[in-house]
N, C-alpha and C. Protein backbone atom coordinates (compact mmCIF):
# COMPACT_ATOMS: atom_id res chain seq x y z
N MET A 1 32.77 111.58 222.63
CA MET A 1 32.84 111.75 221.17
C MET A 1 33.78 110.72 220.53
N ILE A 2 34.92 110.48 221.22
CA ILE A 2 35.90 109.55 220.66
C ILE A 2 35.32 108.15 220.61
N ILE A 3 34.58 107.83 221.71
CA ILE A 3 33.97 106.49 221.76
C ILE A 3 32.91 106.34 220.68
N LYS A 4 32.11 107.41 220.46
CA LYS A 4 31.05 107.38 219.44
C LYS A 4 31.65 107.27 218.05
N ALA A 5 32.73 108.05 217.81
CA ALA A 5 33.40 108.00 216.51
C ALA A 5 33.97 106.62 216.25
N PHE A 6 34.54 106.01 217.31
CA PHE A 6 35.12 104.67 217.17
C PHE A 6 34.03 103.64 216.84
N SER A 7 32.86 103.83 217.48
CA SER A 7 31.74 102.92 217.24
C SER A 7 31.26 103.00 215.80
N ILE A 8 31.19 104.23 215.28
CA ILE A 8 30.75 104.43 213.89
C ILE A 8 31.75 103.81 212.93
N MET A 9 33.03 104.04 213.22
CA MET A 9 34.08 103.47 212.34
C MET A 9 34.03 101.94 212.36
N LYS A 10 33.78 101.39 213.54
CA LYS A 10 33.71 99.93 213.68
C LYS A 10 32.59 99.36 212.82
N LYS A 11 31.45 100.08 212.82
CA LYS A 11 30.31 99.63 212.00
C LYS A 11 30.64 99.70 210.51
N LEU A 12 31.35 100.80 210.13
CA LEU A 12 31.72 100.94 208.72
C LEU A 12 32.66 99.83 208.28
N VAL A 13 33.60 99.50 209.16
CA VAL A 13 34.53 98.41 208.84
C VAL A 13 33.77 97.10 208.72
N TRP A 14 32.83 96.90 209.60
CA TRP A 14 32.03 95.66 209.58
C TRP A 14 31.21 95.54 208.29
N PHE A 15 30.58 96.66 207.92
CA PHE A 15 29.79 96.66 206.68
C PHE A 15 30.69 96.44 205.46
N ALA A 16 31.87 97.06 205.48
CA ALA A 16 32.82 96.88 204.38
C ALA A 16 33.26 95.43 204.28
N PHE A 17 33.49 94.81 205.46
CA PHE A 17 33.90 93.40 205.49
C PHE A 17 32.82 92.50 204.88
N ILE A 18 31.57 92.77 205.30
CA ILE A 18 30.45 91.97 204.77
C ILE A 18 30.31 92.17 203.27
N PHE A 19 30.45 93.44 202.80
CA PHE A 19 30.27 93.76 201.38
C PHE A 19 31.30 93.04 200.52
N PHE A 20 32.59 93.11 200.92
CA PHE A 20 33.65 92.48 200.12
C PHE A 20 33.54 90.96 200.12
N ASN A 21 33.10 90.37 201.24
CA ASN A 21 32.95 88.92 201.30
C ASN A 21 31.79 88.44 200.44
N LEU A 22 30.68 89.20 200.48
CA LEU A 22 29.54 88.83 199.62
C LEU A 22 29.92 88.96 198.15
N HIS A 23 30.69 90.01 197.81
CA HIS A 23 31.12 90.19 196.42
C HIS A 23 31.99 89.02 195.96
N ALA A 24 32.89 88.58 196.87
CA ALA A 24 33.77 87.46 196.53
C ALA A 24 32.98 86.17 196.33
N ILE A 25 31.95 86.00 197.19
CA ILE A 25 31.13 84.78 197.09
C ILE A 25 30.40 84.74 195.77
N PHE A 26 29.72 85.86 195.43
CA PHE A 26 28.95 85.90 194.18
C PHE A 26 29.85 85.86 192.96
N ALA A 27 31.08 86.35 193.08
CA ALA A 27 32.01 86.31 191.95
C ALA A 27 32.40 84.88 191.61
N GLN A 28 32.34 83.96 192.61
CA GLN A 28 32.72 82.58 192.38
C GLN A 28 31.59 81.74 191.83
N ILE A 29 30.37 82.22 191.85
CA ILE A 29 29.22 81.47 191.34
C ILE A 29 29.14 81.66 189.84
N PRO A 30 29.29 80.60 189.04
CA PRO A 30 29.26 80.75 187.58
C PRO A 30 27.88 81.17 187.11
N PRO A 31 27.83 81.88 185.99
CA PRO A 31 26.52 82.28 185.46
C PRO A 31 25.73 81.05 185.02
N PRO A 32 24.43 81.11 185.12
CA PRO A 32 23.60 79.95 184.74
C PRO A 32 23.78 79.60 183.27
N LEU A 33 23.81 78.28 182.98
CA LEU A 33 23.94 77.82 181.60
C LEU A 33 22.67 78.09 180.83
N PRO A 34 22.79 78.42 179.54
CA PRO A 34 21.58 78.68 178.75
C PRO A 34 20.79 77.40 178.59
N VAL A 35 19.49 77.52 178.63
CA VAL A 35 18.60 76.37 178.43
C VAL A 35 18.46 76.10 176.95
N ILE A 36 18.74 74.83 176.53
CA ILE A 36 18.68 74.45 175.12
C ILE A 36 17.37 73.73 174.86
N ASP A 37 16.65 74.23 173.91
CA ASP A 37 15.40 73.59 173.51
C ASP A 37 15.74 72.44 172.57
N SER A 38 15.55 71.21 173.05
CA SER A 38 15.92 70.04 172.24
C SER A 38 15.15 69.96 170.95
N SER A 39 13.97 70.56 170.91
CA SER A 39 13.17 70.51 169.69
C SER A 39 13.77 71.37 168.60
N LYS A 40 14.67 72.33 169.02
CA LYS A 40 15.29 73.21 168.05
C LYS A 40 16.74 72.84 167.80
N ALA A 41 17.16 71.70 168.34
CA ALA A 41 18.56 71.28 168.17
C ALA A 41 18.85 70.97 166.72
N ASN A 42 20.13 71.06 166.37
CA ASN A 42 20.53 70.81 164.99
C ASN A 42 20.44 69.32 164.68
N ASN A 43 19.53 68.95 163.84
CA ASN A 43 19.35 67.54 163.47
C ASN A 43 20.02 67.21 162.15
N ASN A 44 20.89 68.08 161.67
CA ASN A 44 21.54 67.87 160.38
C ASN A 44 22.95 67.32 160.53
N LYS A 45 23.26 66.75 161.69
CA LYS A 45 24.59 66.18 161.89
C LYS A 45 24.76 64.97 160.99
N PRO A 46 25.96 64.79 160.40
CA PRO A 46 26.16 63.64 159.50
C PRO A 46 26.01 62.33 160.23
N VAL A 47 25.35 61.38 159.61
CA VAL A 47 25.15 60.05 160.17
C VAL A 47 26.05 59.08 159.43
N PRO A 48 26.87 58.29 160.15
CA PRO A 48 27.76 57.34 159.47
C PRO A 48 26.98 56.39 158.58
N ALA A 49 27.53 56.14 157.39
CA ALA A 49 26.85 55.24 156.45
C ALA A 49 26.89 53.82 156.97
N LYS A 50 25.79 53.10 156.77
CA LYS A 50 25.72 51.71 157.17
C LYS A 50 26.11 50.85 155.98
N HIS A 51 27.13 50.00 156.17
CA HIS A 51 27.61 49.14 155.10
C HIS A 51 26.87 47.81 155.17
N THR A 52 26.12 47.49 154.14
CA THR A 52 25.34 46.27 154.13
C THR A 52 26.01 45.23 153.25
N ASP A 53 26.29 44.09 153.82
CA ASP A 53 26.86 42.98 153.09
C ASP A 53 25.71 42.09 152.63
N SER A 54 25.54 41.96 151.30
CA SER A 54 24.40 41.19 150.80
C SER A 54 24.47 39.73 151.22
N LEU A 55 25.67 39.24 151.57
CA LEU A 55 25.79 37.85 152.01
C LEU A 55 25.23 37.66 153.41
N SER A 56 25.03 38.76 154.14
CA SER A 56 24.48 38.65 155.48
C SER A 56 23.03 38.21 155.46
N THR A 57 22.40 38.27 154.30
CA THR A 57 21.01 37.83 154.19
C THR A 57 20.90 36.30 154.11
N MET A 58 22.04 35.63 153.92
CA MET A 58 22.02 34.17 153.82
C MET A 58 21.81 33.54 155.19
N LEU A 59 20.95 32.53 155.24
CA LEU A 59 20.67 31.81 156.47
C LEU A 59 21.06 30.35 156.32
N PRO A 60 21.71 29.76 157.32
CA PRO A 60 22.12 28.36 157.23
C PRO A 60 20.93 27.41 157.05
N SER A 61 19.75 27.87 157.44
CA SER A 61 18.56 27.02 157.32
C SER A 61 17.98 27.03 155.91
N ASN A 62 18.46 27.94 155.06
CA ASN A 62 17.98 28.02 153.67
C ASN A 62 18.89 27.21 152.74
N ASP A 63 18.32 26.73 151.64
CA ASP A 63 19.15 26.02 150.67
C ASP A 63 19.91 27.01 149.79
N ILE A 64 20.76 26.50 148.93
CA ILE A 64 21.63 27.33 148.09
C ILE A 64 20.82 28.30 147.23
N ILE A 65 19.77 27.82 146.62
CA ILE A 65 18.97 28.67 145.73
C ILE A 65 18.28 29.78 146.51
N ASP A 66 17.68 29.45 147.64
CA ASP A 66 17.02 30.48 148.45
C ASP A 66 18.00 31.57 148.86
N ASN A 67 19.19 31.17 149.25
CA ASN A 67 20.18 32.16 149.69
C ASN A 67 20.74 32.97 148.52
N LEU A 68 21.02 32.32 147.41
CA LEU A 68 21.54 33.06 146.25
C LEU A 68 20.54 34.09 145.74
N SER A 69 19.27 33.77 145.84
CA SER A 69 18.24 34.69 145.33
C SER A 69 18.21 36.00 146.11
N LYS A 70 18.78 36.01 147.31
CA LYS A 70 18.78 37.21 148.16
C LYS A 70 20.12 37.94 148.15
N ALA A 71 21.13 37.35 147.54
CA ALA A 71 22.47 37.94 147.54
C ALA A 71 22.69 38.75 146.26
N GLN A 72 22.61 40.06 146.35
CA GLN A 72 22.70 40.92 145.17
C GLN A 72 24.05 40.82 144.48
N THR A 73 25.12 40.65 145.25
CA THR A 73 26.46 40.61 144.65
C THR A 73 26.72 39.30 143.90
N LEU A 74 25.80 38.34 144.02
CA LEU A 74 25.96 37.05 143.34
C LEU A 74 24.84 36.84 142.33
N SER A 75 24.17 37.89 141.93
CA SER A 75 22.98 37.79 141.09
C SER A 75 23.25 37.22 139.70
N LYS A 76 24.42 37.48 139.14
CA LYS A 76 24.71 36.99 137.79
C LYS A 76 24.83 35.46 137.77
N PHE A 77 25.46 34.91 138.78
CA PHE A 77 25.57 33.45 138.84
C PHE A 77 24.19 32.83 139.09
N PHE A 78 23.41 33.47 139.93
CA PHE A 78 22.05 32.99 140.21
C PHE A 78 21.21 33.01 138.93
N ASN A 79 21.33 34.08 138.16
CA ASN A 79 20.59 34.16 136.89
C ASN A 79 21.03 33.07 135.94
N ALA A 80 22.33 32.79 135.93
CA ALA A 80 22.85 31.74 135.05
C ALA A 80 22.28 30.38 135.43
N ILE A 81 22.16 30.12 136.72
CA ILE A 81 21.57 28.86 137.19
C ILE A 81 20.13 28.74 136.69
N GLN A 82 19.39 29.82 136.77
CA GLN A 82 18.00 29.81 136.33
C GLN A 82 17.88 29.57 134.83
N VAL A 83 18.70 30.28 134.05
CA VAL A 83 18.66 30.14 132.59
C VAL A 83 19.05 28.72 132.18
N ALA A 84 20.00 28.13 132.90
CA ALA A 84 20.47 26.79 132.57
C ALA A 84 19.50 25.69 133.05
N GLY A 85 18.48 26.08 133.80
CA GLY A 85 17.51 25.10 134.29
C GLY A 85 18.05 24.23 135.41
N LEU A 86 18.98 24.78 136.20
CA LEU A 86 19.62 24.00 137.27
C LEU A 86 19.11 24.37 138.66
N THR A 87 17.99 25.07 138.72
CA THR A 87 17.47 25.49 140.01
C THR A 87 17.20 24.31 140.93
N GLU A 88 16.51 23.30 140.43
CA GLU A 88 16.18 22.13 141.26
C GLU A 88 17.44 21.35 141.66
N THR A 89 18.45 21.39 140.81
CA THR A 89 19.71 20.70 141.14
C THR A 89 20.32 21.26 142.42
N PHE A 90 20.30 22.59 142.55
CA PHE A 90 20.91 23.21 143.72
C PHE A 90 19.92 23.44 144.86
N LYS A 91 18.69 22.98 144.67
CA LYS A 91 17.73 22.96 145.77
C LYS A 91 17.62 21.55 146.37
N SER A 92 18.25 20.59 145.71
CA SER A 92 18.17 19.20 146.17
C SER A 92 18.89 19.04 147.51
N LYS A 93 18.74 17.88 148.11
CA LYS A 93 19.28 17.62 149.44
C LYS A 93 20.79 17.75 149.50
N GLY A 94 21.46 17.36 148.44
CA GLY A 94 22.93 17.46 148.42
C GLY A 94 23.58 16.44 149.34
N PRO A 95 24.65 16.82 150.04
CA PRO A 95 25.23 18.17 150.06
C PRO A 95 26.14 18.44 148.86
N VAL A 96 26.37 19.72 148.61
CA VAL A 96 27.23 20.12 147.52
C VAL A 96 28.06 21.33 147.96
N THR A 97 29.29 21.37 147.48
CA THR A 97 30.16 22.53 147.71
C THR A 97 30.14 23.37 146.44
N LEU A 98 29.82 24.64 146.59
CA LEU A 98 29.67 25.51 145.41
C LEU A 98 30.58 26.72 145.53
N PHE A 99 31.40 26.92 144.48
CA PHE A 99 32.27 28.09 144.37
C PHE A 99 31.56 29.10 143.47
N VAL A 100 31.10 30.18 144.05
CA VAL A 100 30.27 31.14 143.30
C VAL A 100 31.07 32.39 142.93
N PRO A 101 31.24 32.65 141.62
CA PRO A 101 31.88 33.90 141.21
C PRO A 101 30.94 35.07 141.51
N ASP A 102 31.47 36.15 142.07
CA ASP A 102 30.62 37.31 142.29
C ASP A 102 30.43 38.08 140.98
N ASN A 103 29.61 39.11 141.02
CA ASN A 103 29.30 39.85 139.79
C ASN A 103 30.54 40.47 139.15
N GLN A 104 31.48 40.91 139.98
CA GLN A 104 32.72 41.49 139.44
C GLN A 104 33.53 40.45 138.68
N ALA A 105 33.44 39.19 139.10
CA ALA A 105 34.16 38.12 138.41
C ALA A 105 33.67 37.96 136.98
N PHE A 106 32.36 38.08 136.78
CA PHE A 106 31.81 37.93 135.43
C PHE A 106 32.22 39.08 134.52
N GLU A 107 32.55 40.22 135.11
CA GLU A 107 32.99 41.36 134.30
C GLU A 107 34.37 41.12 133.70
N LYS A 108 35.11 40.14 134.21
CA LYS A 108 36.43 39.81 133.66
C LYS A 108 36.33 38.96 132.39
N MET A 109 35.15 38.39 132.15
CA MET A 109 34.97 37.57 130.95
C MET A 109 34.92 38.46 129.71
N SER A 110 35.10 37.85 128.56
CA SER A 110 35.05 38.60 127.30
C SER A 110 33.69 39.28 127.16
N ALA A 111 33.70 40.46 126.58
CA ALA A 111 32.46 41.22 126.43
C ALA A 111 31.41 40.42 125.67
N GLY A 112 30.21 40.35 126.23
CA GLY A 112 29.10 39.67 125.58
C GLY A 112 29.11 38.16 125.70
N LYS A 113 30.15 37.58 126.34
CA LYS A 113 30.26 36.13 126.42
C LYS A 113 29.13 35.53 127.24
N LEU A 114 28.78 36.16 128.36
CA LEU A 114 27.71 35.64 129.19
C LEU A 114 26.37 35.72 128.46
N ASP A 115 26.15 36.82 127.74
CA ASP A 115 24.91 36.96 126.97
C ASP A 115 24.81 35.85 125.92
N THR A 116 25.95 35.51 125.32
CA THR A 116 25.97 34.44 124.32
C THR A 116 25.58 33.11 124.96
N LEU A 117 26.11 32.84 126.13
CA LEU A 117 25.81 31.59 126.83
C LEU A 117 24.35 31.49 127.24
N PHE A 118 23.70 32.62 127.39
CA PHE A 118 22.29 32.64 127.79
C PHE A 118 21.35 32.28 126.63
N ARG A 119 21.88 32.24 125.41
CA ARG A 119 21.05 31.89 124.25
C ARG A 119 20.76 30.40 124.24
N PRO A 120 19.57 30.01 123.77
CA PRO A 120 19.15 28.59 123.82
C PRO A 120 20.16 27.62 123.22
N GLY A 121 20.81 27.99 122.14
CA GLY A 121 21.73 27.08 121.48
C GLY A 121 22.98 26.80 122.27
N HIS A 122 23.21 27.57 123.33
CA HIS A 122 24.44 27.40 124.13
C HIS A 122 24.16 26.81 125.50
N ALA A 123 23.00 26.21 125.67
CA ALA A 123 22.62 25.65 126.97
C ALA A 123 23.63 24.63 127.50
N PRO A 124 24.13 23.68 126.68
CA PRO A 124 25.10 22.71 127.21
C PRO A 124 26.37 23.37 127.75
N GLU A 125 26.82 24.42 127.06
CA GLU A 125 28.02 25.12 127.53
C GLU A 125 27.76 25.84 128.85
N LEU A 126 26.58 26.42 128.97
CA LEU A 126 26.23 27.13 130.21
C LEU A 126 26.13 26.15 131.38
N VAL A 127 25.51 25.01 131.13
CA VAL A 127 25.41 23.98 132.17
C VAL A 127 26.80 23.51 132.59
N ALA A 128 27.68 23.29 131.61
CA ALA A 128 29.04 22.84 131.91
C ALA A 128 29.80 23.89 132.73
N LEU A 129 29.58 25.16 132.41
CA LEU A 129 30.25 26.24 133.12
C LEU A 129 29.81 26.28 134.59
N ILE A 130 28.51 26.21 134.80
CA ILE A 130 27.98 26.31 136.17
C ILE A 130 28.39 25.11 137.01
N THR A 131 28.20 23.92 136.47
CA THR A 131 28.49 22.71 137.25
C THR A 131 29.99 22.51 137.48
N TYR A 132 30.82 23.20 136.72
CA TYR A 132 32.27 23.14 136.95
C TYR A 132 32.63 23.83 138.27
N HIS A 133 31.70 24.61 138.81
CA HIS A 133 31.93 25.31 140.07
C HIS A 133 31.41 24.52 141.27
N ALA A 134 30.97 23.27 141.04
CA ALA A 134 30.35 22.49 142.11
C ALA A 134 31.08 21.16 142.33
N ILE A 135 31.22 20.79 143.59
CA ILE A 135 31.84 19.52 143.97
C ILE A 135 30.87 18.79 144.90
N ALA A 136 30.65 17.53 144.65
CA ALA A 136 29.74 16.74 145.49
C ALA A 136 30.29 16.63 146.90
N GLY A 137 29.42 16.80 147.90
CA GLY A 137 29.84 16.71 149.29
C GLY A 137 30.08 18.08 149.90
N ARG A 138 30.27 18.10 151.21
CA ARG A 138 30.51 19.34 151.94
C ARG A 138 32.02 19.48 152.20
N LEU A 139 32.63 20.43 151.51
CA LEU A 139 34.07 20.61 151.56
C LEU A 139 34.38 21.96 152.21
N THR A 140 34.94 21.95 153.41
CA THR A 140 35.26 23.20 154.09
C THR A 140 36.64 23.71 153.65
N SER A 141 36.95 24.93 154.04
CA SER A 141 38.26 25.50 153.71
C SER A 141 39.38 24.70 154.38
N ARG A 142 39.09 24.16 155.55
CA ARG A 142 40.09 23.33 156.23
C ARG A 142 40.35 22.05 155.44
N ASP A 143 39.28 21.47 154.87
CA ASP A 143 39.44 20.26 154.05
C ASP A 143 40.28 20.56 152.81
N ILE A 144 40.01 21.70 152.20
CA ILE A 144 40.78 22.10 151.01
C ILE A 144 42.25 22.30 151.36
N GLU A 145 42.49 22.96 152.48
CA GLU A 145 43.87 23.23 152.90
C GLU A 145 44.62 21.93 153.22
N ARG A 146 43.93 20.99 153.84
CA ARG A 146 44.57 19.70 154.14
C ARG A 146 44.98 18.99 152.85
N GLN A 147 44.08 19.03 151.88
CA GLN A 147 44.37 18.38 150.60
C GLN A 147 45.56 19.04 149.92
N ILE A 148 45.64 20.35 149.99
CA ILE A 148 46.76 21.09 149.40
C ILE A 148 48.07 20.73 150.09
N ASN A 149 48.04 20.75 151.41
CA ASN A 149 49.26 20.50 152.18
C ASN A 149 49.78 19.07 152.03
N SER A 150 48.86 18.14 151.81
CA SER A 150 49.27 16.74 151.70
C SER A 150 49.75 16.37 150.30
N ASN A 151 49.64 17.31 149.36
CA ASN A 151 50.04 17.04 147.98
C ASN A 151 50.97 18.12 147.43
N HIS A 152 51.95 18.51 148.26
CA HIS A 152 52.97 19.46 147.82
C HIS A 152 52.37 20.77 147.30
N ASN A 153 51.42 21.32 148.07
CA ASN A 153 50.80 22.62 147.79
C ASN A 153 49.96 22.64 146.52
N LEU A 154 49.40 21.49 146.16
CA LEU A 154 48.53 21.44 145.00
C LEU A 154 47.49 20.33 145.18
N GLY A 155 46.29 20.73 145.62
CA GLY A 155 45.22 19.76 145.80
C GLY A 155 44.40 19.61 144.54
N THR A 156 43.90 18.42 144.28
CA THR A 156 43.08 18.16 143.08
C THR A 156 41.70 17.70 143.49
N PHE A 157 40.67 18.27 142.85
CA PHE A 157 39.29 17.95 143.17
C PHE A 157 38.52 17.67 141.87
N THR A 158 37.49 16.85 142.00
CA THR A 158 36.67 16.49 140.83
C THR A 158 35.31 17.16 140.98
N THR A 159 34.92 17.93 139.97
CA THR A 159 33.62 18.60 140.00
C THR A 159 32.52 17.60 139.67
N ILE A 160 31.26 18.02 139.78
CA ILE A 160 30.16 17.09 139.56
C ILE A 160 30.01 16.70 138.09
N THR A 161 30.72 17.39 137.21
CA THR A 161 30.70 17.00 135.81
C THR A 161 31.86 16.07 135.46
N GLY A 162 32.74 15.81 136.44
CA GLY A 162 33.88 14.93 136.20
C GLY A 162 35.14 15.67 135.81
N SER A 163 35.06 16.98 135.63
CA SER A 163 36.24 17.78 135.27
C SER A 163 37.09 18.04 136.52
N LYS A 164 38.38 18.29 136.30
CA LYS A 164 39.31 18.48 137.39
C LYS A 164 39.46 19.97 137.75
N LEU A 165 39.63 20.19 139.04
CA LEU A 165 39.85 21.54 139.56
C LEU A 165 40.96 21.42 140.60
N THR A 166 41.96 22.28 140.50
CA THR A 166 43.07 22.22 141.45
C THR A 166 43.06 23.45 142.36
N ALA A 167 43.73 23.31 143.49
CA ALA A 167 43.79 24.41 144.45
C ALA A 167 45.19 24.51 145.02
N THR A 168 45.60 25.73 145.34
CA THR A 168 46.91 25.96 145.93
C THR A 168 46.80 27.11 146.91
N ILE A 169 47.86 27.35 147.66
CA ILE A 169 47.92 28.49 148.59
C ILE A 169 49.04 29.40 148.12
N ASP A 170 48.71 30.67 147.85
CA ASP A 170 49.72 31.59 147.32
C ASP A 170 50.57 32.17 148.45
N THR A 171 51.47 33.08 148.08
CA THR A 171 52.41 33.64 149.06
C THR A 171 51.73 34.51 150.11
N ASN A 172 50.51 34.96 149.82
CA ASN A 172 49.75 35.76 150.78
C ASN A 172 48.79 34.92 151.60
N ARG A 173 48.96 33.59 151.52
CA ARG A 173 48.15 32.64 152.27
C ARG A 173 46.69 32.61 151.80
N ASN A 174 46.44 33.03 150.56
CA ASN A 174 45.12 32.91 149.98
C ASN A 174 44.96 31.55 149.31
N ILE A 175 43.77 30.97 149.42
CA ILE A 175 43.49 29.75 148.68
C ILE A 175 43.07 30.14 147.27
N VAL A 176 43.77 29.60 146.29
CA VAL A 176 43.52 29.94 144.89
C VAL A 176 43.11 28.69 144.13
N LEU A 177 42.01 28.78 143.39
CA LEU A 177 41.55 27.69 142.54
C LEU A 177 42.10 27.88 141.14
N ILE A 178 42.47 26.79 140.49
CA ILE A 178 43.03 26.85 139.14
C ILE A 178 42.19 25.93 138.24
N ASP A 179 41.62 26.50 137.17
CA ASP A 179 40.79 25.68 136.29
C ASP A 179 41.65 24.92 135.29
N GLU A 180 41.03 24.15 134.42
CA GLU A 180 41.74 23.30 133.47
C GLU A 180 42.49 24.08 132.40
N ASN A 181 42.19 25.37 132.30
CA ASN A 181 42.88 26.21 131.33
C ASN A 181 43.98 27.05 131.97
N GLY A 182 44.21 26.83 133.26
CA GLY A 182 45.27 27.56 133.96
C GLY A 182 44.84 28.89 134.54
N ARG A 183 43.56 29.24 134.39
CA ARG A 183 43.08 30.49 134.98
C ARG A 183 42.96 30.34 136.48
N ARG A 184 43.27 31.40 137.19
CA ARG A 184 43.29 31.36 138.66
C ARG A 184 42.16 32.20 139.24
N SER A 185 41.57 31.70 140.31
CA SER A 185 40.49 32.41 140.99
C SER A 185 40.71 32.31 142.50
N MET A 186 40.78 33.45 143.15
CA MET A 186 41.02 33.46 144.59
C MET A 186 39.69 33.37 145.35
N ILE A 187 39.71 32.62 146.43
CA ILE A 187 38.53 32.52 147.29
C ILE A 187 38.46 33.78 148.17
N LYS A 188 37.34 34.50 148.08
CA LYS A 188 37.17 35.75 148.81
C LYS A 188 36.42 35.56 150.12
N ARG A 189 35.44 34.66 150.11
CA ARG A 189 34.65 34.36 151.31
C ARG A 189 34.58 32.86 151.51
N PHE A 190 34.73 32.43 152.74
CA PHE A 190 34.86 31.01 153.04
C PHE A 190 33.67 30.47 153.83
N ASP A 191 33.39 29.18 153.62
CA ASP A 191 32.56 28.39 154.53
C ASP A 191 31.23 29.05 154.90
N ILE A 192 30.46 29.45 153.90
CA ILE A 192 29.14 30.01 154.17
C ILE A 192 28.15 28.85 154.19
N PRO A 193 27.60 28.50 155.36
CA PRO A 193 26.78 27.29 155.47
C PRO A 193 25.43 27.42 154.78
N GLN A 194 25.02 26.33 154.14
CA GLN A 194 23.72 26.22 153.49
C GLN A 194 23.06 24.95 154.02
N SER A 195 21.75 24.88 153.94
CA SER A 195 21.08 23.68 154.46
C SER A 195 21.44 22.44 153.64
N ASN A 196 21.83 22.64 152.38
CA ASN A 196 22.18 21.51 151.52
C ASN A 196 23.63 21.57 151.01
N GLY A 197 24.49 22.21 151.80
CA GLY A 197 25.90 22.24 151.41
C GLY A 197 26.65 23.40 152.01
N ILE A 198 27.62 23.88 151.27
CA ILE A 198 28.47 24.98 151.72
C ILE A 198 28.87 25.83 150.52
N LEU A 199 29.04 27.12 150.74
CA LEU A 199 29.26 28.04 149.63
C LEU A 199 30.52 28.87 149.87
N PHE A 200 31.27 29.08 148.78
CA PHE A 200 32.44 29.96 148.78
C PHE A 200 32.21 31.03 147.71
N VAL A 201 32.79 32.21 147.91
CA VAL A 201 32.72 33.26 146.91
C VAL A 201 34.11 33.44 146.31
N ILE A 202 34.21 33.44 144.97
CA ILE A 202 35.50 33.55 144.29
C ILE A 202 35.52 34.78 143.38
N ASP A 203 36.73 35.19 142.99
CA ASP A 203 36.85 36.47 142.26
C ASP A 203 37.01 36.33 140.74
N SER A 204 36.97 35.10 140.23
CA SER A 204 37.04 34.89 138.77
C SER A 204 36.20 33.67 138.41
N VAL A 205 35.70 33.66 137.18
CA VAL A 205 34.89 32.54 136.70
C VAL A 205 35.81 31.39 136.31
N LEU A 206 35.47 30.19 136.76
CA LEU A 206 36.23 28.99 136.40
C LEU A 206 35.67 28.42 135.10
N ILE A 207 36.54 28.04 134.17
CA ILE A 207 36.09 27.57 132.86
C ILE A 207 36.68 26.19 132.57
N PRO A 208 35.83 25.21 132.31
CA PRO A 208 36.33 23.87 132.02
C PRO A 208 37.02 23.79 130.66
N LYS A 209 37.85 22.80 130.48
CA LYS A 209 38.60 22.65 129.23
C LYS A 209 37.73 22.10 128.12
N LYS A 210 38.12 22.42 126.88
CA LYS A 210 37.47 21.92 125.67
C LYS A 210 36.01 22.34 125.56
N LYS A 211 35.70 23.51 126.12
CA LYS A 211 34.38 24.08 125.96
C LYS A 211 34.53 25.41 125.26
N LEU A 212 33.69 25.70 124.33
CA LEU A 212 33.82 26.93 123.53
C LEU A 212 33.26 28.10 124.33
N LEU A 213 34.04 28.59 125.25
CA LEU A 213 33.62 29.68 126.09
C LEU A 213 34.51 30.89 125.87
């Protein structure tokens, strides 16, 4: 009887051992992850806005007019070129260096002044205004800086109309153009290549002297 009782107890201990070990094993197995239906996933997550620079549409293989026609932020200057009848001038072989005021620059002018210049009777003034922003030849920012540094921080340039335009470097290392009336315009974008020259973007309109603008 003692041997039989011992045998039964041994079996119970064995079964208990197996039971507790199996329980421990299954307790360590993590529950299965829920299956996500990708077709029902939340597609309303915010998407970062894409910032488009209208100057990125410019191609070095295009001439100044072709590139300006695609640059929305320079549309006012482009319209002025068209009204003044200077389209072919800036499509020519060149080369020419052109300082283009952006649309915000024109907003600094007196109210209605640009509209006045667009009238037929003011064509000579409009032509003088536009061509005052152009210099014959290809002039890079490095060329401008050399001229400034070699002349005591004040370089002088002649526009295609014969009027003078000066340049300096301010305390923030910006290249600043100064027109004949002392107005200052900072260069915002440098050395944009064109097939017939080079283009800069400036933040104020340059105005030649002795013109009723």
